[in-house]
PDB file of all heavy atoms in Angstrom:
ATOM      1  N   ASN A   1      64.456 125.087  47.545  1.00  0.00           N
ATOM      2  CA  ASN A   1      64.237 124.422  46.251  1.00  0.00           C
ATOM      3  C   ASN A   1      65.423 124.594  45.313  1.00  0.00           C
ATOM      4  O   ASN A   1      65.750 123.687  44.545  1.00  0.00           O
ATOM      5  CB  ASN A   1      62.963 124.951  45.607  1.00  0.00           C
ATOM      6  CG  ASN A   1      61.727 124.401  46.266  1.00  0.00           C
ATOM      7  OD1 ASN A   1      61.809 123.698  47.263  1.00  0.00           O
ATOM      8  ND2 ASN A   1      60.567 124.705  45.715  1.00  0.00           N
ATOM      9  N   ALA A   2      66.056 125.744  45.369  1.00  0.00           N
ATOM     10  CA  ALA A   2      67.185 125.995  44.469  1.00  0.00           C
ATOM     11  C   ALA A   2      68.360 125.087  44.805  1.00  0.00           C
ATOM     12  O   ALA A   2      69.017 124.539  43.922  1.00  0.00           O
ATOM     13  CB  ALA A   2      67.600 127.453  44.557  1.00  0.00           C
ATOM     14  N   LYS A   3      68.610 124.908  46.096  1.00  0.00           N
ATOM     15  CA  LYS A   3      69.714 124.054  46.514  1.00  0.00           C
ATOM     16  C   LYS A   3      69.291 122.599  46.622  1.00  0.00           C
ATOM     17  O   LYS A   3      70.119 121.719  46.800  1.00  0.00           O
ATOM     18  CB  LYS A   3      70.255 124.529  47.861  1.00  0.00           C
ATOM     19  CG  LYS A   3      70.900 125.902  47.827  1.00  0.00           C
ATOM     20  CD  LYS A   3      71.430 126.278  49.206  1.00  0.00           C
ATOM     21  CE  LYS A   3      72.087 127.645  49.181  1.00  0.00           C
ATOM     22  NZ  LYS A   3      72.592 128.037  50.526  1.00  0.00           N
ATOM     23  N   LYS A   4      67.982 122.362  46.570  1.00  0.00           N
ATOM     24  CA  LYS A   4      67.425 121.010  46.701  1.00  0.00           C
ATOM     25  C   LYS A   4      67.830 120.379  48.024  1.00  0.00           C
ATOM     26  O   LYS A   4      68.276 119.224  48.085  1.00  0.00           O
ATOM     27  CB  LYS A   4      67.863 120.125  45.528  1.00  0.00           C
ATOM     28  CG  LYS A   4      67.350 120.603  44.186  1.00  0.00           C
ATOM     29  CD  LYS A   4      67.726 119.639  43.076  1.00  0.00           C
ATOM     30  CE  LYS A   4      67.196 120.104  41.743  1.00  0.00           C
ATOM     31  NZ  LYS A   4      67.544 119.166  40.642  1.00  0.00           N
ATOM     32  N   THR A   5      67.670 121.155  49.073  1.00  0.00           N
ATOM     33  CA  THR A   5      67.971 120.650  50.404  1.00  0.00           C
ATOM     34  C   THR A   5      66.774 120.840  51.327  1.00  0.00           C
ATOM     35  O   THR A   5      65.953 121.742  51.114  1.00  0.00           O
ATOM     36  CB  THR A   5      69.187 121.366  51.018  1.00  0.00           C
ATOM     37  OG1 THR A   5      68.922 122.773  51.068  1.00  0.00           O
ATOM     38  CG2 THR A   5      70.445 121.119  50.200  1.00  0.00           C
ATOM     39  N   VAL A   6      66.711 119.999  52.318  1.00  0.00           N
ATOM     40  CA  VAL A   6      65.702 120.127  53.368  1.00  0.00           C
ATOM     41  C   VAL A   6      66.429 120.076  54.706  1.00  0.00           C
ATOM     42  O   VAL A   6      67.206 119.141  54.941  1.00  0.00           O
ATOM     43  CB  VAL A   6      64.669 118.995  53.302  1.00  0.00           C
ATOM     44  CG1 VAL A   6      63.683 119.110  54.461  1.00  0.00           C
ATOM     45  CG2 VAL A   6      63.924 119.037  51.985  1.00  0.00           C
ATOM     46  N   ASP A   7      66.209 121.066  55.525  1.00  0.00           N
ATOM     47  CA  ASP A   7      66.885 121.162  56.803  1.00  0.00           C
ATOM     48  C   ASP A   7      65.920 120.919  57.956  1.00  0.00           C
ATOM     49  O   ASP A   7      64.711 121.159  57.836  1.00  0.00           O
ATOM     50  CB  ASP A   7      67.518 122.543  56.975  1.00  0.00           C
ATOM     51  CG  ASP A   7      68.706 122.748  56.064  1.00  0.00           C
ATOM     52  OD1 ASP A   7      69.125 121.775  55.388  1.00  0.00           O
ATOM     53  OD2 ASP A   7      69.218 123.869  56.009  1.00  0.00           O
ATOM     54  N   LEU A   8      66.495 120.466  59.058  1.00  0.00           N
ATOM     55  CA  LEU A   8      65.731 120.312  60.285  1.00  0.00           C
ATOM     56  C   LEU A   8      66.513 120.981  61.412  1.00  0.00           C
ATOM     57  O   LEU A   8      67.556 120.471  61.824  1.00  0.00           O
ATOM     58  CB  LEU A   8      65.497 118.837  60.610  1.00  0.00           C
ATOM     59  CG  LEU A   8      64.611 118.566  61.831  1.00  0.00           C
ATOM     60  CD1 LEU A   8      63.166 118.984  61.539  1.00  0.00           C
ATOM     61  CD2 LEU A   8      64.673 117.089  62.219  1.00  0.00           C
ATOM     62  N   GLN A   9      66.035 122.138  61.834  1.00  0.00           N
ATOM     63  CA  GLN A   9      66.642 122.844  62.953  1.00  0.00           C
ATOM     64  C   GLN A   9      66.047 122.299  64.242  1.00  0.00           C
ATOM     65  O   GLN A   9      64.822 122.353  64.426  1.00  0.00           O
ATOM     66  CB  GLN A   9      66.387 124.343  62.840  1.00  0.00           C
ATOM     67  CG  GLN A   9      66.920 125.153  64.005  1.00  0.00           C
ATOM     68  CD  GLN A   9      68.436 125.138  64.086  1.00  0.00           C
ATOM     69  OE1 GLN A   9      69.122 125.256  63.075  1.00  0.00           O
ATOM     70  NE2 GLN A   9      68.972 125.000  65.286  1.00  0.00           N
ATOM     71  N   MET A  10      66.923 121.794  65.115  1.00  0.00           N
ATOM     72  CA  MET A  10      66.459 121.175  66.360  1.00  0.00           C
ATOM     73  C   MET A  10      66.997 121.959  67.550  1.00  0.00           C
ATOM     74  O   MET A  10      68.212 122.062  67.728  1.00  0.00           O
ATOM     75  CB  MET A  10      66.931 119.719  66.421  1.00  0.00           C
ATOM     76  CG  MET A  10      66.537 118.901  65.195  1.00  0.00           C
ATOM     77  SD  MET A  10      66.969 117.157  65.343  1.00  0.00           S
ATOM     78  CE  MET A  10      68.753 117.246  65.420  1.00  0.00           C
ATOM     79  N   ASN A  11      66.098 122.514  68.324  1.00  0.00           N
ATOM     80  CA  ASN A  11      66.462 123.289  69.506  1.00  0.00           C
ATOM     81  C   ASN A  11      65.942 122.611  70.764  1.00  0.00           C
ATOM     82  O   ASN A  11      65.076 121.735  70.705  1.00  0.00           O
ATOM     83  CB  ASN A  11      65.896 124.702  69.406  1.00  0.00           C
ATOM     84  CG  ASN A  11      66.405 125.463  68.201  1.00  0.00           C
ATOM     85  OD1 ASN A  11      67.555 125.291  67.781  1.00  0.00           O
ATOM     86  ND2 ASN A  11      65.568 126.329  67.650  1.00  0.00           N
ATOM     87  N   SER A  12      66.487 123.029  71.899  1.00  0.00           N
ATOM     88  CA  SER A  12      66.048 122.501  73.203  1.00  0.00           C
ATOM     89  C   SER A  12      66.026 120.980  73.214  1.00  0.00           C
ATOM     90  O   SER A  12      65.060 120.349  73.645  1.00  0.00           O
ATOM     91  CB  SER A  12      64.653 123.050  73.543  1.00  0.00           C
ATOM     92  OG  SER A  12      64.659 124.466  73.570  1.00  0.00           O
ATOM     93  N   LEU A  13      67.110 120.406  72.741  1.00  0.00           N
ATOM     94  CA  LEU A  13      67.172 118.952  72.622  1.00  0.00           C
ATOM     95  C   LEU A  13      67.202 118.288  73.989  1.00  0.00           C
ATOM     96  O   LEU A  13      67.771 118.827  74.959  1.00  0.00           O
ATOM     97  CB  LEU A  13      68.404 118.550  71.822  1.00  0.00           C
ATOM     98  CG  LEU A  13      68.297 118.828  70.305  1.00  0.00           C
ATOM     99  CD1 LEU A  13      69.660 118.835  69.653  1.00  0.00           C
ATOM    100  CD2 LEU A  13      67.388 117.801  69.652  1.00  0.00           C
ATOM    101  N   THR A  14      66.590 117.127  74.057  1.00  0.00           N
ATOM    102  CA  THR A  14      66.571 116.307  75.272  1.00  0.00           C
ATOM    103  C   THR A  14      67.110 114.917  74.934  1.00  0.00           C
ATOM    104  O   THR A  14      67.169 114.541  73.756  1.00  0.00           O
ATOM    105  CB  THR A  14      65.150 116.178  75.820  1.00  0.00           C
ATOM    106  OG1 THR A  14      64.403 115.290  74.984  1.00  0.00           O
ATOM    107  CG2 THR A  14      64.439 117.525  75.877  1.00  0.00           C
ATOM    108  N   PRO A  15      67.502 114.156  75.940  1.00  0.00           N
ATOM    109  CA  PRO A  15      67.986 112.787  75.668  1.00  0.00           C
ATOM    110  C   PRO A  15      66.962 111.941  74.917  1.00  0.00           C
ATOM    111  O   PRO A  15      67.351 111.019  74.185  1.00  0.00           O
ATOM    112  CB  PRO A  15      68.254 112.237  77.070  1.00  0.00           C
ATOM    113  CG  PRO A  15      68.619 113.448  77.872  1.00  0.00           C
ATOM    114  CD  PRO A  15      67.729 114.539  77.343  1.00  0.00           C
ATOM    115  N   GLU A  16      65.680 112.266  75.051  1.00  0.00           N
ATOM    116  CA  GLU A  16      64.637 111.513  74.336  1.00  0.00           C
ATOM    117  C   GLU A  16      64.682 111.762  72.829  1.00  0.00           C
ATOM    118  O   GLU A  16      64.042 111.039  72.069  1.00  0.00           O
ATOM    119  CB  GLU A  16      63.255 111.878  74.877  1.00  0.00           C
ATOM    120  CG  GLU A  16      62.941 111.332  76.266  1.00  0.00           C
ATOM    121  CD  GLU A  16      63.784 111.971  77.356  1.00  0.00           C
ATOM    122  OE1 GLU A  16      64.036 113.195  77.270  1.00  0.00           O
ATOM    123  OE2 GLU A  16      64.183 111.249  78.303  1.00  0.00           O
ATOM    124  N   ASP A  17      65.419 112.758  72.395  1.00  0.00           N
ATOM    125  CA  ASP A  17      65.563 113.020  70.958  1.00  0.00           C
ATOM    126  C   ASP A  17      66.685 112.191  70.340  1.00  0.00           C
ATOM    127  O   ASP A  17      66.884 112.240  69.117  1.00  0.00           O
ATOM    128  CB  ASP A  17      65.843 114.509  70.726  1.00  0.00           C
ATOM    129  CG  ASP A  17      64.690 115.396  71.140  1.00  0.00           C
ATOM    130  OD1 ASP A  17      63.534 115.071  70.800  1.00  0.00           O
ATOM    131  OD2 ASP A  17      64.942 116.421  71.803  1.00  0.00           O
ATOM    132  N   THR A  18      67.408 111.442  71.144  1.00  0.00           N
ATOM    133  CA  THR A  18      68.490 110.608  70.636  1.00  0.00           C
ATOM    134  C   THR A  18      67.945 109.538  69.708  1.00  0.00           C
ATOM    135  O   THR A  18      67.041 108.786  70.073  1.00  0.00           O
ATOM    136  CB  THR A  18      69.247 109.951  71.805  1.00  0.00           C
ATOM    137  OG1 THR A  18      69.896 110.968  72.569  1.00  0.00           O
ATOM    138  CG2 THR A  18      70.282 108.958  71.291  1.00  0.00           C
ATOM    139  N   ALA A  19      68.474 109.501  68.495  1.00  0.00           N
ATOM    140  CA  ALA A  19      67.990 108.552  67.491  1.00  0.00           C
ATOM    141  C   ALA A  19      68.821 108.721  66.220  1.00  0.00           C
ATOM    142  O   ALA A  19      69.599 109.671  66.097  1.00  0.00           O
ATOM    143  CB  ALA A  19      66.517 108.797  67.173  1.00  0.00           C
ATOM    144  N   VAL A  20      68.610 107.798  65.293  1.00  0.00           N
ATOM    145  CA  VAL A  20      69.096 107.999  63.929  1.00  0.00           C
ATOM    146  C   VAL A  20      67.991 108.742  63.187  1.00  0.00           C
ATOM    147  O   VAL A  20      66.829 108.320  63.201  1.00  0.00           O
ATOM    148  CB  VAL A  20      69.413 106.664  63.238  1.00  0.00           C
ATOM    149  CG1 VAL A  20      69.838 106.915  61.791  1.00  0.00           C
ATOM    150  CG2 VAL A  20      70.503 105.913  63.998  1.00  0.00           C
ATOM    151  N   TYR A  21      68.360 109.837  62.551  1.00  0.00           N
ATOM    152  CA  TYR A  21      67.395 110.673  61.832  1.00  0.00           C
ATOM    153  C   TYR A  21      67.512 110.420  60.341  1.00  0.00           C
ATOM    154  O   TYR A  21      68.622 110.442  59.787  1.00  0.00           O
ATOM    155  CB  TYR A  21      67.629 112.139  62.149  1.00  0.00           C
ATOM    156  CG  TYR A  21      67.106 112.537  63.504  1.00  0.00           C
ATOM    157  CD1 TYR A  21      67.730 112.094  64.665  1.00  0.00           C
ATOM    158  CD2 TYR A  21      65.969 113.336  63.633  1.00  0.00           C
ATOM    159  CE1 TYR A  21      67.231 112.434  65.916  1.00  0.00           C
ATOM    160  CE2 TYR A  21      65.468 113.686  64.882  1.00  0.00           C
ATOM    161  CZ  TYR A  21      66.110 113.220  66.012  1.00  0.00           C
ATOM    162  OH  TYR A  21      65.611 113.561  67.253  1.00  0.00           O
ATOM    163  N   TYR A  22      66.361 110.183  59.711  1.00  0.00           N
ATOM    164  CA  TYR A  22      66.297 109.888  58.296  1.00  0.00           C
ATOM    165  C   TYR A  22      65.473 110.945  57.568  1.00  0.00           C
ATOM    166  O   TYR A  22      64.424 111.370  58.074  1.00  0.00           O
ATOM    167  CB  TYR A  22      65.629 108.539  58.052  1.00  0.00           C
ATOM    168  CG  TYR A  22      66.314 107.360  58.685  1.00  0.00           C
ATOM    169  CD1 TYR A  22      65.999 106.956  59.972  1.00  0.00           C
ATOM    170  CD2 TYR A  22      67.270 106.630  57.967  1.00  0.00           C
ATOM    171  CE1 TYR A  22      66.620 105.861  60.550  1.00  0.00           C
ATOM    172  CE2 TYR A  22      67.894 105.534  58.537  1.00  0.00           C
ATOM    173  CZ  TYR A  22      67.565 105.160  59.825  1.00  0.00           C
ATOM    174  OH  TYR A  22      68.186 104.073  60.392  1.00  0.00           O
ATOM    175  N   CYS A  23      65.903 111.330  56.390  1.00  0.00           N
ATOM    176  CA  CYS A  23      65.032 112.135  55.555  1.00  0.00           C
ATOM    177  C   CYS A  23      64.429 111.231  54.482  1.00  0.00           C
ATOM    178  O   CYS A  23      65.001 110.189  54.142  1.00  0.00           O
ATOM    179  CB  CYS A  23      65.745 113.331  54.938  1.00  0.00           C
ATOM    180  SG  CYS A  23      66.905 112.958  53.635  1.00  0.00           S
ATOM    181  N   ALA A  24      63.287 111.636  53.981  1.00  0.00           N
ATOM    182  CA  ALA A  24      62.554 110.828  53.020  1.00  0.00           C
ATOM    183  C   ALA A  24      61.853 111.731  52.018  1.00  0.00           C
ATOM    184  O   ALA A  24      61.530 112.880  52.321  1.00  0.00           O
ATOM    185  CB  ALA A  24      61.545 109.940  53.741  1.00  0.00           C
ATOM    186  N   SER A  25      61.614 111.163  50.838  1.00  0.00           N
ATOM    187  CA  SER A  25      61.006 111.909  49.734  1.00  0.00           C
ATOM    188  C   SER A  25      59.757 111.181  49.254  1.00  0.00           C
ATOM    189  O   SER A  25      59.775 109.958  49.105  1.00  0.00           O
ATOM    190  CB  SER A  25      62.027 112.026  48.597  1.00  0.00           C
ATOM    191  OG  SER A  25      61.421 112.512  47.422  1.00  0.00           O
ATOM    192  N   SER A  26      58.700 111.949  48.999  1.00  0.00           N
ATOM    193  CA  SER A  26      57.457 111.373  48.490  1.00  0.00           C
ATOM    194  C   SER A  26      57.107 112.003  47.149  1.00  0.00           C
ATOM    195  O   SER A  26      57.164 113.227  47.007  1.00  0.00           O
ATOM    196  CB  SER A  26      56.316 111.609  49.485  1.00  0.00           C
ATOM    197  OG  SER A  26      55.094 111.159  48.948  1.00  0.00           O
ATOM    198  N   SER A  27      56.713 111.184  46.195  1.00  0.00           N
ATOM    199  CA  SER A  27      56.296 111.672  44.879  1.00  0.00           C
ATOM    200  C   SER A  27      54.784 111.638  44.720  1.00  0.00           C
ATOM    201  O   SER A  27      54.269 111.855  43.619  1.00  0.00           O
ATOM    202  CB  SER A  27      56.955 110.844  43.779  1.00  0.00           C
ATOM    203  OG  SER A  27      56.585 109.482  43.917  1.00  0.00           O
ATOM    204  N   THR A  28      54.077 111.371  45.803  1.00  0.00           N
ATOM    205  CA  THR A  28      52.617 111.308  45.770  1.00  0.00           C
ATOM    206  C   THR A  28      52.040 112.574  46.393  1.00  0.00           C
ATOM    207  O   THR A  28      52.466 112.986  47.465  1.00  0.00           O
ATOM    208  CB  THR A  28      52.094 110.083  46.537  1.00  0.00           C
ATOM    209  OG1 THR A  28      52.680 108.912  45.979  1.00  0.00           O
ATOM    210  CG2 THR A  28      50.577 109.990  46.452  1.00  0.00           C
ATOM    211  N   TYR A  29      51.057 113.143  45.702  1.00  0.00           N
ATOM    212  CA  TYR A  29      50.438 114.364  46.230  1.00  0.00           C
ATOM    213  C   TYR A  29      49.263 114.024  47.136  1.00  0.00           C
ATOM    214  O   TYR A  29      48.381 113.229  46.771  1.00  0.00           O
ATOM    215  CB  TYR A  29      49.962 115.272  45.097  1.00  0.00           C
ATOM    216  CG  TYR A  29      49.221 116.482  45.611  1.00  0.00           C
ATOM    217  CD1 TYR A  29      49.917 117.538  46.185  1.00  0.00           C
ATOM    218  CD2 TYR A  29      47.833 116.540  45.573  1.00  0.00           C
ATOM    219  CE1 TYR A  29      49.248 118.637  46.690  1.00  0.00           C
ATOM    220  CE2 TYR A  29      47.155 117.638  46.073  1.00  0.00           C
ATOM    221  CZ  TYR A  29      47.864 118.685  46.626  1.00  0.00           C
ATOM    222  OH  TYR A  29      47.197 119.758  47.142  1.00  0.00           O
ATOM    223  N   TYR A  30      49.243 114.634  48.305  1.00  0.00           N
ATOM    224  CA  TYR A  30      48.099 114.574  49.210  1.00  0.00           C
ATOM    225  C   TYR A  30      47.747 116.007  49.585  1.00  0.00           C
ATOM    226  O   TYR A  30      48.620 116.783  49.954  1.00  0.00           O
ATOM    227  CB  TYR A  30      48.426 113.780  50.472  1.00  0.00           C
ATOM    228  CG  TYR A  30      48.712 112.324  50.223  1.00  0.00           C
ATOM    229  CD1 TYR A  30      50.013 111.846  50.122  1.00  0.00           C
ATOM    230  CD2 TYR A  30      47.663 111.416  50.075  1.00  0.00           C
ATOM    231  CE1 TYR A  30      50.279 110.515  49.880  1.00  0.00           C
ATOM    232  CE2 TYR A  30      47.918 110.074  49.841  1.00  0.00           C
ATOM    233  CZ  TYR A  30      49.225 109.634  49.739  1.00  0.00           C
ATOM    234  OH  TYR A  30      49.476 108.317  49.497  1.00  0.00           O
ATOM    235  N   PRO A  31      46.477 116.369  49.511  1.00  0.00           N
ATOM    236  CA  PRO A  31      46.114 117.743  49.857  1.00  0.00           C
ATOM    237  C   PRO A  31      46.351 118.075  51.325  1.00  0.00           C
ATOM    238  O   PRO A  31      46.640 119.222  51.665  1.00  0.00           O
ATOM    239  CB  PRO A  31      44.625 117.825  49.496  1.00  0.00           C
ATOM    240  CG  PRO A  31      44.158 116.404  49.481  1.00  0.00           C
ATOM    241  CD  PRO A  31      45.341 115.586  49.062  1.00  0.00           C
ATOM    242  N   THR A  32      46.239 117.070  52.175  1.00  0.00           N
ATOM    243  CA  THR A  32      46.401 117.287  53.605  1.00  0.00           C
ATOM    244  C   THR A  32      47.837 116.977  54.014  1.00  0.00           C
ATOM    245  O   THR A  32      48.306 115.852  53.880  1.00  0.00           O
ATOM    246  CB  THR A  32      45.434 116.399  54.413  1.00  0.00           C
ATOM    247  OG1 THR A  32      44.098 116.648  53.976  1.00  0.00           O
ATOM    248  CG2 THR A  32      45.550 116.685  55.891  1.00  0.00           C
ATOM    249  N   THR A  33      48.523 117.983  54.517  1.00  0.00           N
ATOM    250  CA  THR A  33      49.939 117.830  54.854  1.00  0.00           C
ATOM    251  C   THR A  33      50.157 116.728  55.884  1.00  0.00           C
ATOM    252  O   THR A  33      51.164 116.036  55.861  1.00  0.00           O
ATOM    253  CB  THR A  33      50.505 119.153  55.365  1.00  0.00           C
ATOM    254  OG1 THR A  33      50.203 120.191  54.412  1.00  0.00           O
ATOM    255  CG2 THR A  33      52.014 119.089  55.540  1.00  0.00           C
ATOM    256  N   ALA A  34      49.212 116.551  56.784  1.00  0.00           N
ATOM    257  CA  ALA A  34      49.349 115.543  57.841  1.00  0.00           C
ATOM    258  C   ALA A  34      49.468 114.120  57.286  1.00  0.00           C
ATOM    259  O   ALA A  34      49.993 113.237  57.968  1.00  0.00           O
ATOM    260  CB  ALA A  34      48.166 115.638  58.797  1.00  0.00           C
ATOM    261  N   TYR A  35      49.005 113.884  56.062  1.00  0.00           N
ATOM    262  CA  TYR A  35      49.123 112.548  55.457  1.00  0.00           C
ATOM    263  C   TYR A  35      50.588 112.132  55.332  1.00  0.00           C
ATOM    264  O   TYR A  35      50.913 110.953  55.325  1.00  0.00           O
ATOM    265  CB  TYR A  35      48.470 112.520  54.083  1.00  0.00           C
ATOM    266  CG  TYR A  35      46.969 112.358  54.105  1.00  0.00           C
ATOM    267  CD1 TYR A  35      46.224 112.665  55.231  1.00  0.00           C
ATOM    268  CD2 TYR A  35      46.284 111.898  52.978  1.00  0.00           C
ATOM    269  CE1 TYR A  35      44.863 112.534  55.245  1.00  0.00           C
ATOM    270  CE2 TYR A  35      44.915 111.761  52.982  1.00  0.00           C
ATOM    271  CZ  TYR A  35      44.202 112.077  54.110  1.00  0.00           C
ATOM    272  OH  TYR A  35      42.847 111.944  54.116  1.00  0.00           O
ATOM    273  N   TYR A  36      51.461 113.123  55.234  1.00  0.00           N
ATOM    274  CA  TYR A  36      52.879 112.824  55.054  1.00  0.00           C
ATOM    275  C   TYR A  36      53.551 112.408  56.359  1.00  0.00           C
ATOM    276  O   TYR A  36      54.758 112.226  56.412  1.00  0.00           O
ATOM    277  CB  TYR A  36      53.590 114.017  54.431  1.00  0.00           C
ATOM    278  CG  TYR A  36      53.170 114.265  53.005  1.00  0.00           C
ATOM    279  CD1 TYR A  36      52.311 115.309  52.684  1.00  0.00           C
ATOM    280  CD2 TYR A  36      53.614 113.440  51.975  1.00  0.00           C
ATOM    281  CE1 TYR A  36      51.907 115.532  51.379  1.00  0.00           C
ATOM    282  CE2 TYR A  36      53.221 113.664  50.666  1.00  0.00           C
ATOM    283  CZ  TYR A  36      52.360 114.708  50.379  1.00  0.00           C
ATOM    284  OH  TYR A  36      51.956 114.922  49.083  1.00  0.00           O
ATOM    285  N   ALA A  37      52.779 112.238  57.411  1.00  0.00           N
ATOM    286  CA  ALA A  37      53.314 111.689  58.661  1.00  0.00           C
ATOM    287  C   ALA A  37      53.451 110.169  58.577  1.00  0.00           C
ATOM    288  O   ALA A  37      54.080 109.557  59.440  1.00  0.00           O
ATOM    289  CB  ALA A  37      52.417 112.065  59.839  1.00  0.00           C
ATOM    290  N   LYS A  38      52.871 109.578  57.560  1.00  0.00           N
ATOM    291  CA  LYS A  38      52.919 108.119  57.403  1.00  0.00           C
ATOM    292  C   LYS A  38      54.161 107.740  56.613  1.00  0.00           C
ATOM    293  O   LYS A  38      54.364 108.222  55.496  1.00  0.00           O
ATOM    294  CB  LYS A  38      51.680 107.625  56.661  1.00  0.00           C
ATOM    295  CG  LYS A  38      50.369 108.010  57.314  1.00  0.00           C
ATOM    296  CD  LYS A  38      49.201 107.567  56.445  1.00  0.00           C
ATOM    297  CE  LYS A  38      47.886 107.996  57.050  1.00  0.00           C
ATOM    298  NZ  LYS A  38      46.734 107.594  56.218  1.00  0.00           N
ATOM    299  N   HIS A  39      54.972 106.848  57.162  1.00  0.00           N
ATOM    300  CA  HIS A  39      56.203 106.500  56.450  1.00  0.00           C
ATOM    301  C   HIS A  39      55.904 105.755  55.147  1.00  0.00           C
ATOM    302  O   HIS A  39      56.730 105.745  54.235  1.00  0.00           O
ATOM    303  CB  HIS A  39      57.141 105.692  57.340  1.00  0.00           C
ATOM    304  CG  HIS A  39      56.617 104.350  57.752  1.00  0.00           C
ATOM    305  ND1 HIS A  39      56.622 103.248  56.923  1.00  0.00           N
ATOM    306  CD2 HIS A  39      56.075 103.935  58.910  1.00  0.00           C
ATOM    307  CE1 HIS A  39      56.107 102.222  57.561  1.00  0.00           C
ATOM    308  NE2 HIS A  39      55.773 102.606  58.760  1.00  0.00           N
ATOM    309  N   SER A  40      54.710 105.172  55.024  1.00  0.00           N
ATOM    310  CA  SER A  40      54.382 104.391  53.826  1.00  0.00           C
ATOM    311  C   SER A  40      54.215 105.251  52.577  1.00  0.00           C
ATOM    312  O   SER A  40      54.204 104.722  51.463  1.00  0.00           O
ATOM    313  CB  SER A  40      53.112 103.576  54.067  1.00  0.00           C
ATOM    314  OG  SER A  40      52.026 104.430  54.374  1.00  0.00           O
ATOM    315  N   VAL A  41      54.050 106.574  52.730  1.00  0.00           N
ATOM    316  CA  VAL A  41      53.843 107.418  51.545  1.00  0.00           C
ATOM    317  C   VAL A  41      55.154 107.869  50.922  1.00  0.00           C
ATOM    318  O   VAL A  41      55.159 108.510  49.881  1.00  0.00           O
ATOM    319  CB  VAL A  41      52.983 108.658  51.875  1.00  0.00           C
ATOM    320  CG1 VAL A  41      51.709 108.241  52.601  1.00  0.00           C
ATOM    321  CG2 VAL A  41      53.749 109.686  52.687  1.00  0.00           C
ATOM    322  N   TYR A  42      56.265 107.508  51.532  1.00  0.00           N
ATOM    323  CA  TYR A  42      57.570 107.935  51.038  1.00  0.00           C
ATOM    324  C   TYR A  42      58.197 106.866  50.159  1.00  0.00           C
ATOM    325  O   TYR A  42      58.134 105.680  50.451  1.00  0.00           O
ATOM    326  CB  TYR A  42      58.491 108.294  52.206  1.00  0.00           C
ATOM    327  CG  TYR A  42      58.021 109.531  52.921  1.00  0.00           C
ATOM    328  CD1 TYR A  42      57.137 109.448  53.994  1.00  0.00           C
ATOM    329  CD2 TYR A  42      58.416 110.794  52.496  1.00  0.00           C
ATOM    330  CE1 TYR A  42      56.669 110.583  54.626  1.00  0.00           C
ATOM    331  CE2 TYR A  42      57.962 111.937  53.133  1.00  0.00           C
ATOM    332  CZ  TYR A  42      57.085 111.822  54.191  1.00  0.00           C
ATOM    333  OH  TYR A  42      56.617 112.956  54.815  1.00  0.00           O
TER     334      TYR A  42
END
């Protein structure tokens, strides 16, 4: 929070992980963390 960064540590990578990776920010609160799996909430 202090640096305002979000990191993604990726280990044991496979060719299936090949992609363009995007980060996204949501300003909507949902009590259930799994709701943030939907790209529409960002």
